[in-house]
Amino acid sequence: MTHLFVVDNLALNYGRHEVMSSITFAVEPGDYIGVAGPNGSGKTSLIKAILGLLPPAAGNITYDPSIAGSRSVGYLPQKAIQSDTLFPAKVKEVVAMGLLAHKRGARFFNASDYEKVEAVLSKLGVAELADKKIGSLSGGQQQRVLLARAMVSSPRLLVLDEPTSALDPKIREEFYELLGQLNEQDGVTILLVSHDMASIGKYTKKLLYLDRQIVFYGSYDEFCVSGEMGAYFGPLSQHQFCWRHSHDVH
């Protein structure tokens, strides 16, 4: 199988400070990977490197031609929610911004663009919000709209950095279920950063656990039988996480 991208012996620095090193892993088409780790472990830095926003200090990232550049990658960053109720942009305008990378020269939107906007809003269950101002929406509605902006260009890879941290538990569950549908039904490869091991264990297919290096990368079944991971996390923590995963998934 062709890799979507490969990270090879990557090291990242901020100035003279080394953030992480010796990072090697591959992502396959259709993967749904949860990226976890303690604060300061390098999760967001790795995402920035994958997106081309942070240059490697060493090593490299090799991309399949289908996602080379930014046009086949959707990104939902941390703290993307717009809380200003006076913010004037309408939902359909915010979502259409996700098409700008595909426009060469012209920066205005045409009827075809808004058909794509309407289609993705409908897919994500928020078509009725198209003419509302983004700042007037609830947190859960805003995250769906911003997910629509990331998805409107039909990317092969979707990258999300703590997308549910500001959502209440019920809305968070609905958001994760929506991501699962995009992965299973549309074949979107997803890289999801979260501090919530229980949630990513429930919804994602693989775990990439970082602590300035790769502590674990593989399936949850592999994680749950790993004596090395039991020693790292403690057998009780590993058992609790794996119990949640097995009961929620199976």
Protein backbone atom coordinates (compact mmCIF):
# COMPACT_ATOMS: atom_id res chain seq x y z
CA MET A 1 0.00 0.00 0.00
CA THR A 2 1.23 3.50 -0.82
CA HIS A 3 1.84 5.66 2.23
CA LEU A 4 -0.01 8.97 2.39
CA PHE A 5 3.04 10.42 4.08
CA VAL A 6 6.12 9.18 5.92
CA VAL A 7 7.89 10.91 8.81
CA ASP A 8 11.54 9.80 8.92
CA ASN A 9 13.83 10.48 11.89
CA LEU A 10 12.27 13.91 12.39
CA ALA A 11 13.61 16.41 14.92
CA LEU A 12 11.96 19.76 15.67
CA ASN A 13 13.35 22.83 17.39
CA TYR A 14 12.06 26.19 18.56
CA GLY A 15 15.17 28.33 18.40
CA ARG A 16 17.85 26.38 20.24
CA HIS A 17 15.31 24.36 22.22
CA GLU A 18 14.73 20.82 20.97
CA VAL A 19 11.03 19.98 21.03
CA MET A 20 11.22 16.37 19.85
CA SER A 21 13.57 13.98 18.07
CA SER A 22 13.84 10.56 16.39
CA ILE A 23 10.22 10.64 15.17
CA THR A 24 9.55 7.96 12.54
CA PHE A 25 6.13 6.68 11.44
CA ALA A 26 3.99 6.25 8.32
CA VAL A 27 0.34 7.11 7.67
CA GLU A 28 -1.72 5.00 5.28
CA PRO A 29 -4.78 6.11 3.27
CA GLY A 30 -7.89 5.64 5.42
CA ASP A 31 -6.06 5.76 8.75
CA TYR A 32 -7.76 7.44 11.70
CA ILE A 33 -4.99 8.22 14.16
CA GLY A 34 -5.31 9.67 17.64
CA VAL A 35 -2.26 11.70 18.67
CA ALA A 36 -1.87 11.94 22.45
CA GLY A 37 0.74 12.77 25.04
CA PRO A 38 1.37 15.01 28.05
CA ASN A 39 1.60 18.80 27.81
CA GLY A 40 4.85 19.78 26.13
CA SER A 41 5.22 16.40 24.42
CA GLY A 42 5.36 17.93 20.93
CA LYS A 43 1.87 17.10 19.63
CA THR A 44 1.09 20.51 18.15
CA SER A 45 4.66 20.95 16.92
CA LEU A 46 4.42 17.68 15.01
CA ILE A 47 1.15 18.79 13.43
CA LYS A 48 2.74 22.07 12.37
CA ALA A 49 5.63 20.17 10.79
CA ILE A 50 3.25 17.86 8.89
CA LEU A 51 1.39 20.93 7.61
CA GLY A 52 4.65 22.56 6.52
CA LEU A 53 4.39 25.33 9.12
CA LEU A 54 7.47 24.29 11.12
CA PRO A 55 10.65 23.26 9.27
CA PRO A 56 12.48 20.13 10.48
CA ALA A 57 15.73 20.56 12.37
CA ALA A 58 16.65 17.09 11.10
CA GLY A 59 14.99 14.28 9.17
CA ASN A 60 12.19 14.76 6.67
CA ILE A 61 8.54 14.24 5.81
CA THR A 62 7.76 12.66 2.43
CA TYR A 63 4.27 13.11 0.99
CA ASP A 64 2.36 11.15 -1.61
CA PRO A 65 1.83 13.40 -4.67
CA SER A 66 -1.91 13.35 -3.98
CA ILE A 67 -1.43 15.53 -0.88
CA ALA A 68 1.70 17.44 -1.85
CA GLY A 69 1.10 21.11 -1.06
CA SER A 70 -1.91 22.26 0.92
CA ARG A 71 -4.80 21.69 -1.46
CA SER A 72 -5.64 18.14 -0.36
CA VAL A 73 -5.23 18.76 3.38
CA GLY A 74 -7.95 20.14 5.66
CA TYR A 75 -6.95 21.67 9.00
CA LEU A 76 -8.97 22.58 12.09
CA PRO A 77 -6.64 24.31 14.59
CA GLN A 78 -6.91 24.82 18.32
CA LYS A 79 -9.14 27.60 19.62
CA ALA A 80 -10.81 28.15 16.28
CA ILE A 81 -14.20 29.03 17.78
CA GLN A 82 -15.29 32.62 17.08
CA SER A 83 -16.94 33.90 20.28
CA ASP A 84 -17.55 37.50 19.12
CA THR A 85 -21.30 37.74 18.53
CA LEU A 86 -20.73 40.86 16.40
CA PHE A 87 -18.38 39.06 13.99
CA PRO A 88 -20.12 39.83 10.68
CA ALA A 89 -19.24 36.82 8.49
CA LYS A 90 -22.03 34.45 7.52
CA VAL A 91 -21.59 30.71 7.84
CA LYS A 92 -21.54 30.16 4.07
CA GLU A 93 -18.81 32.80 3.71
CA VAL A 94 -16.68 31.20 6.41
CA VAL A 95 -17.00 27.76 4.79
CA ALA A 96 -16.23 29.16 1.33
CA MET A 97 -12.88 30.42 2.66
CA GLY A 98 -11.82 26.77 2.63
CA LEU A 99 -11.79 26.95 -1.18
CA LEU A 100 -9.30 29.81 -1.46
CA ALA A 101 -6.29 27.51 -1.82
CA HIS A 102 -7.87 26.12 -4.99
CA LYS A 103 -8.40 29.49 -6.61
CA ARG A 104 -5.75 30.76 -8.95
CA GLY A 105 -5.79 34.50 -9.30
CA ALA A 106 -9.49 35.22 -8.68
CA ARG A 107 -10.46 35.60 -5.02
CA PHE A 108 -14.22 35.78 -5.44
CA PHE A 109 -16.68 32.92 -5.09
CA ASN A 110 -19.00 31.73 -7.85
CA ALA A 111 -22.16 29.63 -7.97
CA SER A 112 -20.15 26.40 -8.20
CA ASP A 113 -18.26 27.31 -5.03
CA TYR A 114 -21.48 27.90 -3.12
CA GLU A 115 -22.88 24.59 -4.37
CA LYS A 116 -19.88 22.90 -2.72
CA VAL A 117 -20.52 24.92 0.45
CA GLU A 118 -24.18 23.89 0.48
CA ALA A 119 -23.26 20.24 -0.06
CA VAL A 120 -20.74 20.07 2.79
CA LEU A 121 -23.03 21.94 5.20
CA SER A 122 -25.79 19.47 4.36
CA LYS A 123 -23.45 16.50 4.88
CA LEU A 124 -22.50 17.81 8.32
CA GLY A 125 -26.10 18.52 9.31
CA VAL A 126 -25.95 22.32 9.49
CA ALA A 127 -27.37 23.43 6.12
CA GLU A 128 -29.98 25.57 7.88
CA LEU A 129 -27.21 27.75 9.34
CA ALA A 130 -25.83 28.94 5.98
CA ASP A 131 -27.07 32.53 6.27
CA LYS A 132 -26.52 32.95 10.01
CA LYS A 133 -23.58 34.89 11.43
CA ILE A 134 -20.87 32.57 12.74
CA GLY A 135 -20.55 34.55 15.98
CA SER A 136 -24.20 33.90 16.87
CA LEU A 137 -23.83 30.10 16.91
CA SER A 138 -23.26 27.73 19.80
CA GLY A 139 -19.83 26.18 20.28
CA GLY A 140 -20.96 22.86 18.82
CA GLN A 141 -22.50 24.53 15.78
CA GLN A 142 -19.37 26.59 15.21
CA GLN A 143 -17.15 23.52 15.29
CA ARG A 144 -19.33 21.82 12.67
CA VAL A 145 -19.10 24.93 10.49
CA LEU A 146 -15.32 25.09 10.87
CA LEU A 147 -15.13 21.37 10.09
CA ALA A 148 -17.15 22.15 6.96
CA ARG A 149 -14.58 24.82 6.04
CA ALA A 150 -11.83 22.22 6.41
CA MET A 151 -13.79 19.66 4.35
CA VAL A 152 -15.27 21.84 1.57
CA SER A 153 -12.30 21.24 -0.73
CA SER A 154 -12.70 17.43 -0.35
CA PRO A 155 -9.27 16.85 1.22
CA ARG A 156 -7.71 13.40 1.45
CA LEU A 157 -6.16 14.25 4.82
CA LEU A 158 -7.92 16.01 7.71
CA VAL A 159 -5.82 17.31 10.62
CA LEU A 160 -7.51 18.43 13.85
CA ASP A 161 -5.79 19.90 16.92
CA GLU A 162 -7.87 19.53 20.12
CA PRO A 163 -11.15 20.17 18.24
CA THR A 164 -13.47 19.28 21.15
CA SER A 165 -11.73 20.93 24.11
CA ALA A 166 -14.37 23.69 24.36
CA LEU A 167 -17.41 21.43 23.83
CA ASP A 168 -19.68 19.83 26.41
CA PRO A 169 -19.67 15.99 26.59
CA LYS A 170 -22.81 15.39 24.49
CA ILE A 171 -21.71 17.71 21.68
CA ARG A 172 -18.21 16.22 21.87
CA GLU A 173 -19.60 12.72 21.31
CA GLU A 174 -21.62 13.90 18.32
CA PHE A 175 -18.55 15.58 16.83
CA TYR A 176 -16.45 12.42 17.19
CA GLU A 177 -19.21 10.36 15.59
CA LEU A 178 -19.25 12.79 12.67
CA LEU A 179 -15.50 12.38 12.19
CA GLY A 180 -15.96 8.61 12.23
CA GLN A 181 -18.49 8.88 9.41
CA LEU A 182 -16.11 10.99 7.33
CA ASN A 183 -13.42 8.36 7.83
CA GLU A 184 -15.57 5.28 7.21
CA GLN A 185 -17.95 6.54 4.52
CA ASP A 186 -15.81 9.09 2.66
CA GLY A 187 -12.39 7.51 3.17
CA VAL A 188 -10.87 10.65 4.69
CA THR A 189 -7.59 10.01 6.50
CA ILE A 190 -7.73 11.72 9.90
CA LEU A 191 -5.01 12.85 12.29
CA LEU A 192 -6.64 13.93 15.57
CA VAL A 193 -4.68 15.53 18.42
CA SER A 194 -6.32 15.17 21.83
CA HIS A 195 -5.36 15.00 25.50
CA ASP A 196 -8.38 12.73 26.07
CA MET A 197 -7.07 9.16 25.78
CA ALA A 198 -10.47 7.66 26.55
CA SER A 199 -12.23 9.45 23.70
CA ILE A 200 -9.59 8.82 21.08
CA GLY A 201 -9.44 5.20 22.23
CA LYS A 202 -13.16 4.94 21.61
CA TYR A 203 -13.24 6.53 18.18
CA THR A 204 -9.88 6.33 16.40
CA LYS A 205 -8.19 3.27 14.89
CA LYS A 206 -4.58 3.86 15.89
CA LEU A 207 -2.74 5.61 18.70
CA LEU A 208 0.38 7.75 18.31
CA TYR A 209 1.55 8.55 21.84
CA LEU A 210 4.30 11.15 22.12
CA ASP A 211 6.57 12.35 24.88
CA ARG A 212 9.15 14.26 22.82
CA GLN A 213 9.75 10.91 21.13
CA ILE A 214 7.37 8.17 20.03
CA VAL A 215 6.32 6.14 23.04
CA PHE A 216 3.83 4.02 21.08
CA TYR A 217 2.44 3.82 17.55
CA GLY A 218 0.02 1.10 16.53
CA SER A 219 -3.47 -0.30 16.97
CA TYR A 220 -5.32 -0.26 20.28
CA ASP A 221 -5.28 -4.04 20.41
CA GLU A 222 -1.48 -3.88 20.24
CA PHE A 223 -1.41 -1.19 22.91
CA CYS A 224 -3.61 -3.20 25.25
CA VAL A 225 -1.40 -6.32 25.20
CA SER A 226 1.90 -4.44 25.36
CA GLY A 227 3.87 -5.16 28.50
CA GLU A 228 6.10 -2.21 27.67
CA MET A 229 3.08 0.12 27.68
CA GLY A 230 1.86 -1.42 30.92
CA ALA A 231 5.21 -0.57 32.46
CA TYR A 232 5.13 2.96 31.02
CA PHE A 233 1.57 3.91 32.01
CA GLY A 234 1.14 1.56 34.94
CA PRO A 235 -1.01 -1.57 34.62
CA LEU A 236 -4.06 0.06 36.24
CA SER A 237 -4.10 3.03 33.84
CA GLN A 238 -3.55 0.74 30.86
CA HIS A 239 -6.35 -1.57 32.01
CA GLN A 240 -8.81 1.31 32.54
CA PHE A 241 -8.07 2.77 29.12
CA CYS A 242 -8.35 -0.59 27.36
CA TRP A 243 -11.53 -1.50 29.23
CA ARG A 244 -13.13 1.73 28.00
CA HIS A 245 -11.93 1.08 24.44
CA SER A 246 -13.16 -2.52 24.29
CA HIS A 247 -16.57 -1.77 25.84
CA ASP A 248 -17.22 1.30 23.70
CA VAL A 249 -16.07 -0.24 20.42
CA HIS A 250 -17.14 -3.87 20.57
